[in-house]
Protein backbone atom coordinates (compact mmCIF):
# COMPACT_ATOMS: atom_id res chain seq x y z
CA MET A 1 263.68 101.08 79.83
CA SER A 2 265.48 104.27 78.95
CA GLU A 3 263.33 107.38 78.61
CA THR A 4 265.77 109.18 76.30
CA GLU A 5 265.94 108.69 72.57
CA GLN A 6 268.98 106.76 71.46
CA PRO A 7 270.95 107.95 68.44
CA GLU A 8 270.62 106.49 64.98
CA ASN A 9 273.75 104.77 63.73
CA LYS A 10 274.46 104.42 60.04
CA LEU A 11 275.25 100.93 58.81
CA GLY A 12 276.31 101.36 55.20
CA ASP A 13 273.26 102.55 53.30
CA ARG A 14 270.96 101.60 56.17
CA GLN A 15 270.18 103.44 59.37
CA GLU A 16 269.80 101.85 62.75
CA ILE A 17 267.03 103.01 65.08
CA LYS A 18 267.25 101.91 68.71
CA PRO A 19 263.96 102.66 70.49
CA ASP A 20 262.90 101.20 73.79
CA LEU A 21 259.72 99.81 72.23
CA CYS A 22 258.78 98.93 68.67
CA VAL A 23 255.10 98.23 67.95
CA ILE A 24 254.24 96.51 64.66
CA GLY A 25 250.69 97.27 63.53
CA ALA A 26 248.61 100.41 64.04
CA GLY A 27 245.25 98.82 64.79
CA ALA A 28 243.39 99.30 68.05
CA GLY A 29 245.86 97.31 70.12
CA GLY A 30 248.98 98.68 68.46
CA LEU A 31 247.90 102.30 68.84
CA ALA A 32 246.93 101.71 72.46
CA ALA A 33 250.29 100.12 73.28
CA ALA A 34 252.33 102.79 71.48
CA SER A 35 250.45 105.75 72.94
CA ALA A 36 250.49 104.32 76.49
CA ALA A 37 254.24 103.73 76.37
CA ALA A 38 254.88 107.20 74.92
CA ALA A 39 252.81 108.75 77.71
CA PHE A 40 255.37 107.35 80.17
CA GLY A 41 258.18 109.02 78.24
CA VAL A 42 259.32 105.85 76.51
CA ASN A 43 260.94 106.11 73.08
CA VAL A 44 258.48 104.32 70.74
CA VAL A 45 258.54 103.41 67.05
CA LEU A 46 255.24 102.35 65.45
CA ILE A 47 255.37 100.40 62.17
CA GLU A 48 252.29 100.25 59.93
CA ARG A 49 252.20 98.83 56.42
CA GLY A 50 248.87 100.39 55.40
CA PRO A 51 248.07 104.04 54.65
CA MET A 52 247.30 106.25 57.63
CA ASP A 53 246.09 109.41 55.91
CA GLY A 54 242.66 109.41 54.30
CA PRO A 55 240.57 106.76 52.57
CA ILE A 56 241.77 104.06 50.23
CA ASP A 57 240.64 104.79 46.67
CA GLY A 58 237.69 106.80 47.91
CA GLY A 59 236.62 103.92 50.16
CA ILE A 60 235.67 103.74 53.80
CA GLY A 61 239.10 104.54 55.16
CA GLY A 62 242.75 103.62 55.24
CA HIS A 63 243.27 103.18 58.97
CA GLN A 64 242.86 99.84 60.67
CA GLY A 65 239.59 99.69 62.57
CA ALA A 66 237.66 101.44 59.81
CA ALA A 67 235.89 98.21 58.87
CA ALA A 68 234.73 97.65 62.47
CA LEU A 69 233.34 101.16 62.68
CA ALA A 70 231.72 100.86 59.27
CA PHE A 71 230.10 97.61 60.40
CA GLN A 72 228.43 99.28 63.38
CA ALA A 73 227.23 102.24 61.28
CA PHE A 74 225.82 99.88 58.64
CA VAL A 75 223.96 97.71 61.17
CA ALA A 76 222.55 100.81 62.88
CA ALA A 77 221.26 102.14 59.54
CA ALA A 78 219.61 98.79 58.84
CA THR A 79 217.90 98.91 62.23
CA ARG A 80 216.46 102.33 61.44
CA ALA A 81 215.23 101.05 58.07
CA HIS A 82 213.59 98.10 59.83
CA LEU A 83 211.81 100.37 62.31
CA ALA A 84 210.59 102.59 59.47
CA ARG A 85 209.24 99.57 57.61
CA GLN A 86 207.46 98.38 60.75
CA ARG A 87 205.73 101.75 61.02
CA LEU A 88 204.65 101.53 57.39
CA LEU A 89 203.25 98.06 58.00
CA ARG A 90 201.26 99.29 60.97
CA ASP A 91 199.95 102.19 58.86
CA GLY A 92 199.01 99.81 56.04
CA SER A 93 201.22 101.58 53.49
CA GLY A 94 204.04 99.02 53.33
CA SER A 95 204.51 95.35 52.53
CA GLU A 96 206.35 92.60 54.38
CA GLY A 97 209.87 91.94 53.05
CA ALA A 98 210.07 95.24 51.17
CA GLY A 99 213.18 97.35 51.49
CA CYS A 100 211.22 100.38 52.65
CA GLY A 101 212.50 102.44 49.73
CA VAL A 102 216.03 102.48 51.17
CA ASP A 103 218.48 104.77 49.38
CA PHE A 104 221.46 102.45 49.49
CA ALA A 105 223.82 105.13 48.17
CA ALA A 106 222.80 107.28 51.14
CA VAL A 107 223.58 104.37 53.46
CA ARG A 108 227.05 104.09 51.98
CA ALA A 109 227.54 107.85 52.33
CA HIS A 110 226.48 107.62 55.99
CA VAL A 111 228.95 104.81 56.65
CA ARG A 112 231.78 106.79 55.03
CA ALA A 113 230.90 109.89 57.02
CA VAL A 114 231.03 107.97 60.31
CA VAL A 115 234.42 106.50 59.45
CA ALA A 116 235.75 109.85 58.25
CA ALA A 117 234.75 111.50 61.52
CA ALA A 118 236.93 109.03 63.43
CA ALA A 119 239.86 109.17 60.98
CA PRO A 120 241.75 111.98 62.80
CA GLU A 121 242.14 109.64 65.79
CA HIS A 122 244.30 107.41 63.56
CA SER A 123 246.12 110.12 61.63
CA ARG A 124 249.86 110.55 61.30
CA GLU A 125 249.62 113.97 62.93
CA ARG A 126 247.90 112.66 66.05
CA ILE A 127 250.30 109.73 66.37
CA ASN A 128 253.31 112.00 66.07
CA GLY A 129 251.70 114.41 68.51
CA LEU A 130 251.57 111.64 71.09
CA GLY A 131 255.34 111.33 70.84
CA VAL A 132 255.32 108.17 68.74
CA ARG A 133 257.58 107.88 65.71
CA LEU A 134 255.57 106.41 62.83
CA VAL A 135 257.37 104.43 60.12
CA GLN A 136 255.19 103.27 57.24
CA GLY A 137 255.99 100.10 55.37
CA ALA A 138 256.15 96.33 55.79
CA GLY A 139 258.54 95.39 58.58
CA ARG A 140 260.12 91.95 58.83
CA PHE A 141 262.35 90.37 61.44
CA THR A 142 265.93 89.70 60.39
CA ASP A 143 266.99 88.29 63.75
CA ALA A 144 265.70 88.02 67.31
CA ARG A 145 266.23 91.73 68.04
CA THR A 146 265.90 93.46 64.66
CA VAL A 147 263.12 94.47 62.29
CA ALA A 148 264.08 95.75 58.84
CA ILE A 149 261.89 98.34 57.13
CA ASN A 150 262.46 100.84 54.32
CA GLY A 151 266.22 101.11 54.73
CA TYR A 152 266.05 101.09 58.52
CA ASP A 153 267.06 98.43 61.02
CA VAL A 154 264.94 98.84 64.12
CA ARG A 155 266.71 97.30 67.12
CA ALA A 156 264.39 97.65 70.09
CA ARG A 157 264.55 96.47 73.69
CA ARG A 158 261.02 95.13 73.36
CA PHE A 159 258.65 94.46 70.44
CA VAL A 160 254.86 94.23 70.36
CA ILE A 161 253.26 92.51 67.37
CA ALA A 162 249.72 93.79 66.78
CA THR A 163 249.15 93.17 63.08
CA GLY A 164 245.64 91.77 63.52
CA SER A 165 243.90 89.44 61.11
CA ALA A 166 242.24 89.39 57.71
CA PRO A 167 239.17 87.56 56.37
CA ALA A 168 239.97 83.95 55.56
CA ARG A 169 239.10 82.53 52.16
CA PRO A 170 237.83 78.98 52.58
CA ASP A 171 239.14 76.30 50.25
CA ILE A 172 236.08 76.09 47.98
CA PRO A 173 236.52 75.12 44.32
CA GLY A 174 235.80 78.07 42.06
CA LEU A 175 235.77 80.70 44.83
CA ALA A 176 238.97 82.34 43.62
CA ASP A 177 237.39 82.88 40.19
CA VAL A 178 234.31 84.78 41.34
CA PRO A 179 233.92 88.16 43.04
CA TYR A 180 233.20 87.88 46.74
CA LEU A 181 232.68 90.31 49.60
CA THR A 182 234.46 90.52 52.96
CA THR A 183 234.34 93.00 55.83
CA GLU A 184 236.93 95.02 53.94
CA THR A 185 234.80 95.44 50.80
CA VAL A 186 231.15 94.88 51.65
CA PHE A 187 230.51 98.49 52.66
CA GLU A 188 231.51 99.75 49.22
CA LEU A 189 228.43 98.30 47.53
CA ASP A 190 226.44 101.00 45.74
CA ALA A 191 223.26 98.90 45.56
CA CYS A 192 221.62 96.35 47.80
CA PRO A 193 222.22 92.75 46.63
CA ARG A 194 219.24 90.91 45.19
CA HIS A 195 220.21 87.67 46.94
CA LEU A 196 223.17 87.63 49.32
CA ILE A 197 224.71 84.23 50.13
CA VAL A 198 226.68 84.32 53.37
CA ILE A 199 229.23 81.55 53.84
CA GLY A 200 229.70 81.12 57.58
CA ALA A 201 227.44 81.89 60.54
CA ASP A 202 229.75 83.69 62.96
CA SER A 203 228.67 86.86 64.78
CA ILE A 204 229.67 89.17 61.93
CA GLY A 205 228.08 86.98 59.26
CA LEU A 206 224.73 86.80 61.06
CA ALA A 207 224.64 90.50 61.94
CA LEU A 208 225.29 91.50 58.33
CA ALA A 209 222.83 88.88 57.09
CA GLN A 210 220.11 90.51 59.18
CA ALA A 211 221.17 94.00 58.11
CA PHE A 212 221.00 93.20 54.40
CA ARG A 213 217.65 91.48 54.88
CA ARG A 214 216.37 94.65 56.51
CA PHE A 215 217.57 96.63 53.50
CA GLY A 216 215.46 94.37 51.28
CA ALA A 217 217.82 91.61 50.13
CA GLU A 218 217.02 87.93 50.09
CA VAL A 219 219.63 86.32 52.37
CA THR A 220 220.80 82.72 52.75
CA VAL A 221 223.42 81.76 55.35
CA LEU A 222 225.34 78.52 54.84
CA GLU A 223 227.13 77.04 57.86
CA LYS A 224 228.94 73.71 57.86
CA ALA A 225 228.71 73.24 61.63
CA THR A 226 227.38 75.40 64.46
CA PRO A 227 226.02 78.94 64.15
CA LEU A 228 227.56 81.41 66.60
CA PRO A 229 230.31 79.03 67.75
CA GLY A 230 231.25 79.56 71.37
CA ALA A 231 228.00 81.30 72.27
CA ASP A 232 225.59 80.04 74.91
CA ALA A 233 223.22 77.68 73.10
CA GLU A 234 220.05 79.05 74.68
CA CYS A 235 220.91 82.66 73.87
CA ALA A 236 222.08 81.78 70.37
CA ALA A 237 218.68 80.17 69.77
CA VAL A 238 216.99 83.50 70.56
CA VAL A 239 219.04 85.24 67.87
CA LEU A 240 218.50 82.52 65.28
CA ASP A 241 214.76 82.55 65.89
CA ALA A 242 214.67 86.31 65.33
CA LEU A 243 216.55 85.98 62.04
CA LYS A 244 214.22 83.23 60.88
CA ARG A 245 211.16 85.35 61.62
CA GLU A 246 212.65 88.19 59.56
CA GLY A 247 213.19 85.89 56.59
CA VAL A 248 216.90 85.10 56.86
CA ALA A 249 217.48 81.46 55.88
CA VAL A 250 220.16 79.99 58.14
CA ARG A 251 221.10 76.49 56.97
CA CYS A 252 223.37 74.35 59.16
CA GLY A 253 225.26 71.17 58.36
CA ILE A 254 225.90 72.43 54.85
CA ALA A 255 229.03 71.80 52.80
CA VAL A 256 229.73 74.31 50.03
CA LYS A 257 231.07 72.17 47.20
CA ARG A 258 231.62 74.63 44.36
CA VAL A 259 231.06 78.25 43.35
CA ARG A 260 230.76 79.51 39.81
CA ARG A 261 229.86 82.68 38.01
CA GLN A 262 226.71 82.94 35.91
CA GLN A 263 225.42 85.79 33.78
CA ALA A 264 222.67 86.48 36.28
CA GLY A 265 225.05 86.30 39.24
CA ILE A 266 226.63 83.41 41.16
CA GLU A 267 225.68 79.78 41.70
CA VAL A 268 226.68 77.78 44.78
CA ASP A 269 226.56 73.99 44.83
CA ILE A 270 225.90 72.65 48.32
CA GLY A 271 225.42 69.28 49.98
CA GLY A 272 224.15 68.21 53.36
CA ASP A 273 227.34 66.56 54.54
CA GLY A 274 228.85 69.40 56.56
CA GLY A 275 229.91 68.85 60.15
CA GLN A 276 227.46 69.20 63.03
CA GLY A 277 228.41 71.16 66.13
CA ASP A 278 227.08 70.93 69.65
CA GLN A 279 224.28 73.29 68.66
CA GLY A 280 223.52 71.40 65.46
CA ASP A 281 219.78 71.57 66.09
CA GLN A 282 219.76 75.31 65.55
CA GLY A 283 218.78 76.69 62.18
CA ASP A 284 217.56 74.68 59.22
CA GLN A 285 219.42 71.42 58.77
CA GLY A 286 220.83 70.23 55.46
CA ASP A 287 219.43 66.97 54.12
CA GLN A 288 222.30 64.51 54.38
CA GLY A 289 223.51 63.46 50.96
CA ASP A 290 221.22 65.77 48.92
CA ASP A 291 222.96 68.12 46.53
CA GLU A 292 221.42 71.47 45.64
CA THR A 293 222.29 74.62 43.73
CA ILE A 294 221.54 78.07 45.13
CA ALA A 295 221.51 81.05 42.77
CA GLY A 296 222.53 84.39 44.24
CA SER A 297 223.76 87.78 43.21
CA HIS A 298 226.58 88.23 45.77
CA ILE A 299 228.68 86.14 48.17
CA PHE A 300 229.90 87.35 51.56
CA LEU A 301 232.61 85.40 53.39
CA ALA A 302 232.18 84.97 57.15
CA ALA A 303 234.16 81.76 57.47
CA GLY A 304 236.75 82.90 59.98
CA ARG A 305 239.88 84.99 59.84
CA ARG A 306 243.59 84.39 59.38
CA PRO A 307 246.38 86.15 61.32
CA ASN A 308 248.49 88.70 59.46
CA ILE A 309 251.88 87.03 59.94
CA GLU A 310 253.08 86.08 56.45
CA ALA A 311 255.33 89.10 55.92
CA LEU A 312 256.87 89.19 59.41
CA ASN A 313 259.49 86.44 58.92
CA LEU A 314 258.81 85.19 62.44
CA ALA A 315 261.16 82.24 62.07
CA ALA A 316 264.15 84.60 61.96
CA ALA A 317 263.16 85.92 65.38
CA GLY A 318 262.55 82.49 66.88
CA ILE A 319 258.83 83.16 67.36
CA ARG A 320 256.62 80.07 67.43
CA HIS A 321 253.48 80.28 65.32
CA ASP A 322 251.10 78.24 63.21
CA ALA A 323 248.14 78.83 60.94
CA SER A 324 246.02 79.98 63.89
CA GLY A 325 248.45 82.72 64.91
CA ILE A 326 251.40 83.52 67.17
CA ALA A 327 251.75 81.40 70.30
CA VAL A 328 251.84 83.43 73.53
CA ASP A 329 251.84 82.62 77.23
CA ARG A 330 249.38 84.04 79.75
CA GLY A 331 251.55 87.15 79.93
CA LEU A 332 251.28 87.59 76.13
CA ARG A 333 254.96 86.88 75.58
CA THR A 334 256.07 84.86 72.57
CA SER A 335 258.78 82.21 72.52
CA ASN A 336 261.16 85.14 71.96
CA ARG A 337 261.11 86.73 75.41
CA GLN A 338 261.75 90.20 73.96
CA VAL A 339 258.61 90.05 71.84
CA TYR A 340 254.95 90.28 72.83
CA ALA A 341 251.90 89.68 70.63
CA ILE A 342 248.38 90.97 71.21
CA GLY A 343 244.97 90.89 69.57
CA ALA A 344 243.78 88.80 66.68
CA VAL A 345 247.30 87.96 65.46
CA THR A 346 247.43 85.48 68.37
CA GLY A 347 244.25 83.76 67.23
CA ALA A 348 242.12 85.68 69.72
CA PRO A 349 238.72 87.02 68.59
CA MET A 350 238.80 90.21 66.54
CA ALA A 351 237.66 92.75 69.14
CA SER A 352 239.05 96.24 69.69
CA HIS A 353 238.28 96.19 73.41
CA LEU A 354 240.20 92.95 73.87
CA ALA A 355 243.18 94.36 71.97
CA HIS A 356 243.06 97.53 74.11
CA HIS A 357 242.99 95.43 77.27
CA GLN A 358 245.92 93.30 76.17
CA ALA A 359 247.90 96.41 75.18
CA GLY A 360 247.57 97.68 78.74
CA LEU A 361 248.75 94.36 80.14
CA VAL A 362 251.80 94.32 77.88
CA ILE A 363 252.83 97.86 78.78
CA ARG A 364 252.51 97.10 82.50
CA ASN A 365 254.72 94.05 82.11
CA ALA A 366 257.25 95.55 79.69
CA LEU A 367 257.71 98.86 81.52
CA PHE A 368 257.12 97.97 85.15
CA ARG A 369 257.74 94.20 85.18
CA THR A 370 254.29 93.73 86.74
CA PRO A 371 253.04 90.14 86.41
CA VAL A 372 249.92 89.98 84.23
CA ASP A 373 247.38 87.36 83.26
CA SER A 374 245.58 87.63 79.92
CA ASP A 375 242.66 85.30 80.76
CA SER A 376 240.01 86.43 78.24
CA HIS A 377 237.07 84.92 80.15
CA ALA A 378 236.64 88.26 81.91
CA VAL A 379 236.24 90.06 78.56
CA ALA A 380 232.73 90.47 77.15
CA PHE A 381 231.86 89.80 73.50
CA VAL A 382 228.82 91.06 71.62
CA THR A 383 226.93 89.88 68.56
CA SER A 384 225.33 92.97 67.00
CA THR A 385 222.12 91.34 65.86
CA ASP A 386 218.65 92.41 66.93
CA PRO A 387 218.16 91.18 69.61
CA GLU A 388 221.76 91.54 70.68
CA LEU A 389 223.72 88.71 72.25
CA ALA A 390 226.34 89.57 74.87
CA GLN A 391 228.40 87.10 76.86
CA VAL A 392 231.16 87.20 79.46
CA GLY A 393 232.88 84.60 81.63
CA LEU A 394 232.30 80.87 81.51
CA THR A 395 229.52 79.19 79.58
CA GLU A 396 227.37 76.61 81.33
CA ASP A 397 229.39 73.72 79.91
CA GLU A 398 232.72 75.35 80.80
CA ALA A 399 231.53 76.07 84.33
CA ARG A 400 230.44 72.46 84.87
CA GLY A 401 233.90 71.33 83.81
CA ARG A 402 235.68 73.73 86.15
CA ALA A 403 233.40 74.17 89.14
CA GLY A 404 231.40 70.97 89.21
CA ARG A 405 228.18 71.88 90.99
CA ILE A 406 226.79 75.12 89.61
CA ARG A 407 223.57 77.15 89.66
CA ILE A 408 221.83 78.47 86.54
CA LEU A 409 219.73 81.61 87.01
CA ARG A 410 217.37 82.93 84.33
CA SER A 411 214.95 85.79 83.83
CA PRO A 412 212.95 86.52 80.64
CA TYR A 413 212.57 89.91 78.98
CA ARG A 414 208.85 89.36 78.59
CA GLU A 415 208.37 89.97 82.34
CA ASN A 416 210.25 93.30 82.25
CA ASP A 417 208.26 96.56 82.09
CA ARG A 418 210.80 98.35 79.89
CA ALA A 419 210.69 95.49 77.40
CA ARG A 420 206.88 95.57 77.43
CA ALA A 421 206.88 99.32 76.85
CA THR A 422 209.27 99.11 73.88
CA GLY A 423 207.93 95.87 72.44
CA ALA A 424 211.35 94.20 72.82
CA THR A 425 210.19 91.19 74.81
CA ALA A 426 212.31 88.54 73.06
CA GLY A 427 215.20 87.07 74.99
CA HIS A 428 216.44 86.40 78.49
CA VAL A 429 219.32 86.76 80.92
CA LYS A 430 221.23 83.65 81.99
CA ILE A 431 223.68 83.71 84.88
CA VAL A 432 226.04 80.93 85.98
CA THR A 433 227.34 80.75 89.57
CA ASP A 434 229.14 78.18 91.65
CA ARG A 435 227.35 76.56 94.58
CA LYS A 436 228.43 79.40 96.88
CA GLY A 437 227.05 82.08 94.58
CA THR A 438 230.27 83.37 93.01
CA ILE A 439 229.41 84.66 89.55
CA LEU A 440 231.17 82.63 86.85
CA GLY A 441 229.46 83.71 83.64
CA ALA A 442 226.64 85.73 82.14
CA ALA A 443 224.87 85.59 78.79
CA ILE A 444 222.21 88.06 77.64
CA ALA A 445 220.08 87.77 74.53
CA GLY A 446 217.83 90.78 74.24
CA ALA A 447 217.54 94.51 73.76
CA GLY A 448 220.42 96.54 75.22
CA ALA A 449 222.51 93.45 75.92
CA ALA A 450 225.70 95.17 74.75
CA GLU A 451 225.23 97.81 77.45
CA THR A 452 223.86 95.72 80.34
CA ILE A 453 226.65 93.13 80.05
CA ALA A 454 229.06 95.73 81.46
CA ALA A 455 227.79 95.29 85.02
CA TRP A 456 228.24 91.53 84.82
CA THR A 457 231.73 91.98 83.37
CA LEU A 458 232.63 94.06 86.43
CA ALA A 459 231.12 91.42 88.71
CA ILE A 460 233.21 88.65 87.15
CA ASN A 461 236.39 90.74 87.14
CA GLN A 462 235.90 91.51 90.83
CA LYS A 463 234.81 87.94 91.66
CA LEU A 464 231.57 89.18 93.20
CA ASN A 465 228.93 87.01 94.80
CA ILE A 466 225.45 86.99 93.28
CA GLU A 467 224.23 88.70 96.45
CA ALA A 468 225.90 91.92 95.28
CA MET A 469 223.97 91.94 92.00
CA ALA A 470 220.70 91.00 93.67
CA GLY A 471 221.08 93.93 96.06
CA VAL A 472 222.04 96.62 93.55
CA ILE A 473 219.45 99.35 92.99
CA VAL A 474 218.73 99.81 89.28
CA PRO A 475 216.51 102.52 87.73
CA TYR A 476 212.94 101.65 86.77
CA PRO A 477 211.97 100.78 84.10
CA THR A 478 215.20 99.54 82.52
CA TYR A 479 216.51 96.40 80.86
CA ALA A 480 219.00 96.12 83.74
CA GLU A 481 216.12 94.91 85.91
CA VAL A 482 216.06 91.65 83.95
CA GLY A 483 219.54 90.86 85.22
CA LYS A 484 218.70 91.83 88.78
CA ARG A 485 215.63 89.61 88.73
CA ALA A 486 217.76 86.71 87.52
CA ALA A 487 220.16 87.34 90.41
CA MET A 488 217.29 87.33 92.92
CA THR A 489 216.17 83.88 91.81
CA TYR A 490 219.32 82.51 93.49
CA PHE A 491 217.62 83.04 96.84
CA THR A 492 214.16 81.77 95.85
CA ARG A 493 214.95 78.20 96.81
CA GLY A 494 215.96 79.22 100.34
CA LEU A 495 212.95 81.46 100.88
CA THR A 496 210.53 78.62 100.16
CA SER A 497 212.24 76.05 102.38
CA PRO A 498 210.26 74.71 105.39
CA LEU A 499 213.02 75.78 107.78
CA VAL A 500 212.92 79.43 106.66
CA ARG A 501 209.14 79.47 106.93
CA ARG A 502 209.27 78.10 110.48
CA ILE A 503 211.76 80.81 111.43
CA ILE A 504 209.44 83.49 110.02
CA VAL A 505 206.49 82.10 111.98
CA TRP A 506 208.61 82.02 115.15
CA LEU A 507 209.73 85.64 114.68
CA ARG A 508 206.15 86.79 114.32
CA ARG A 509 205.56 85.93 117.96
CA PHE A 510 207.83 88.81 118.89
CA GLY A 511 205.64 91.27 116.99
């Protein structure tokens, strides 16, 4: 690619911009791709349809990624409220299920402050300072090499589509006629809901269900199939048990038949004829054929996401796509070889770290022609419940399909001194290896899982043998010891074999 800026040519009333790289979408992946390319001296244009400067209507923020940051701040505030309530219960001055006198307006102010502190990282000034030309507006392809936007025709050597995804609205009769919450609006509530009905039991839905319960709301989660789809079943059960003990009602196998507004709030008609997933025994099951009405004050949608592709006119560029997103190969190229797509717009999970990773792969391939492989099994994903659930690599079922004979290694938190000291004894570590000990996958349900999964992510990326993790020296007392103990169980079978014992007895003769 050329490192010098090419001139703009006027075409009638329109101007032509000819950068080396055009990135569409200023979310985590788009910003990472644009800034990385600019750092190499590449001429980059970044297109973003949303506002980049300041909050939207006094809300949490205009930049993409604000909702993800707000989510973490909100969950963290709920955890602190939960700990405060637990102290009051121990002191005898609180009551179970109470909201601990939470000032919900203060929670919202805290969330806004956290998002505002990060806003300069996404500002127009910073982007321009990186050497990236920012063009705001909705870009759309007019042919295989051109994107039209605000009187400009951007003709780039390469394009990267990073427009992300938005909350999906399930096809439920009456839903369009009632107010509902999504990740883009839920943090603007000025009061805690009386009874929050969550439609969908994905990682975001369950984490927010627990958070609102900890703020004092009654919470009911309705899932038509499997809670935490894609998660290890054993670890998912740990999370669901914790939510049940805190009073969150998670109901599986439920079909939402209709939603309607009532003066006192919202009513949801449900029936027990939803689909059952592989983990259908988790949570409370719907009674097949029985209809029921649940009265709530608010509805939150956690029923998946849809890729932001409607305005791109992908057909004009010859880019294959469907309702799940843009089709890409393992190198993240689309059917138009000049165009890449990264992040949730491809149907991948909504995760900033995955989008960052894919942005790096695309820049390596586009600038240096380095072959890349976007296999996401080496990327960890976290469910921000308490206890946390973190997972990387292959699940047990996936490993059996690929590797045949495998080993499953486990270690519980209840045997860990750090967990005993902090009272966080729920959960366990589960490791999957092949018969030779190569680490294929790891799942952790327990305190600090989001942090301790990093070591296992490195192990899988580097294709390490379990011997490496069993031999690592970890500080005492830490949650990391749970993982090391799981790794050590790989060798337990060999140490107790009659042959090994005979060798030990023989060696004793030599002193």
